[in-house]
């Protein structure tokens, strides 16, 4: 099974700028990247 249950969140305006600012501050401080993908629960599709 190739299940890819993506959840997409789009930021614009001030919330996007807050994320950008925080990311720049953390990179400048030498903090490691956060690239974890969190699940939103178990797979609920039909088995093949």
Protein backbone atom coordinates (compact mmCIF):
# COMPACT_ATOMS: atom_id res chain seq x y z
CA UNK A 1 0.00 0.00 0.00
CA UNK A 2 1.23 3.46 -0.81
CA UNK A 3 -0.93 5.60 1.40
CA UNK A 4 0.03 9.23 1.77
CA UNK A 5 -2.60 10.90 3.97
CA UNK A 6 -1.19 14.43 3.75
CA UNK A 7 -2.57 17.33 5.73
CA UNK A 8 -1.58 20.68 4.23
CA UNK A 9 -1.54 23.93 6.20
CA UNK A 10 -1.02 27.25 4.39
CA UNK A 11 0.25 30.31 6.24
CA UNK A 12 0.15 33.89 4.98
CA UNK A 13 0.60 37.32 6.47
CA UNK A 14 1.68 37.67 10.10
CA UNK A 15 1.57 33.95 11.00
CA UNK A 16 3.94 33.20 8.10
CA UNK A 17 6.28 36.00 9.16
CA UNK A 18 6.33 34.64 12.73
CA UNK A 19 7.36 31.20 11.46
CA UNK A 20 10.03 32.72 9.21
CA UNK A 21 11.40 34.85 12.04
CA UNK A 22 11.53 31.90 14.44
CA UNK A 23 13.24 29.70 11.84
CA UNK A 24 15.89 32.36 11.15
CA UNK A 25 16.52 32.87 14.88
CA UNK A 26 16.88 29.12 15.47
CA UNK A 27 19.21 28.68 12.47
CA UNK A 28 21.36 31.61 13.62
CA UNK A 29 21.53 30.05 17.11
CA UNK A 30 22.78 26.79 15.59
CA UNK A 31 19.77 24.71 16.61
CA UNK A 32 19.22 21.51 14.60
CA UNK A 33 16.49 21.43 11.94
CA UNK A 34 13.07 20.07 12.85
CA UNK A 35 12.12 17.76 10.02
CA UNK A 36 9.94 15.26 11.85
CA UNK A 37 6.70 14.23 10.23
CA UNK A 38 4.00 13.71 12.81
CA UNK A 39 1.18 11.27 12.14
CA UNK A 40 -2.46 12.14 12.56
CA UNK A 41 -3.54 8.69 13.71
CA UNK A 42 -3.70 5.19 12.30
CA UNK A 43 -4.41 4.35 8.68
CA UNK A 44 -8.17 4.01 8.14
CA UNK A 45 -8.28 2.89 4.50
CA UNK A 46 -9.16 -0.49 3.06
CA UNK A 47 -6.42 -3.12 3.01
CA UNK A 48 -5.64 -4.37 -0.48
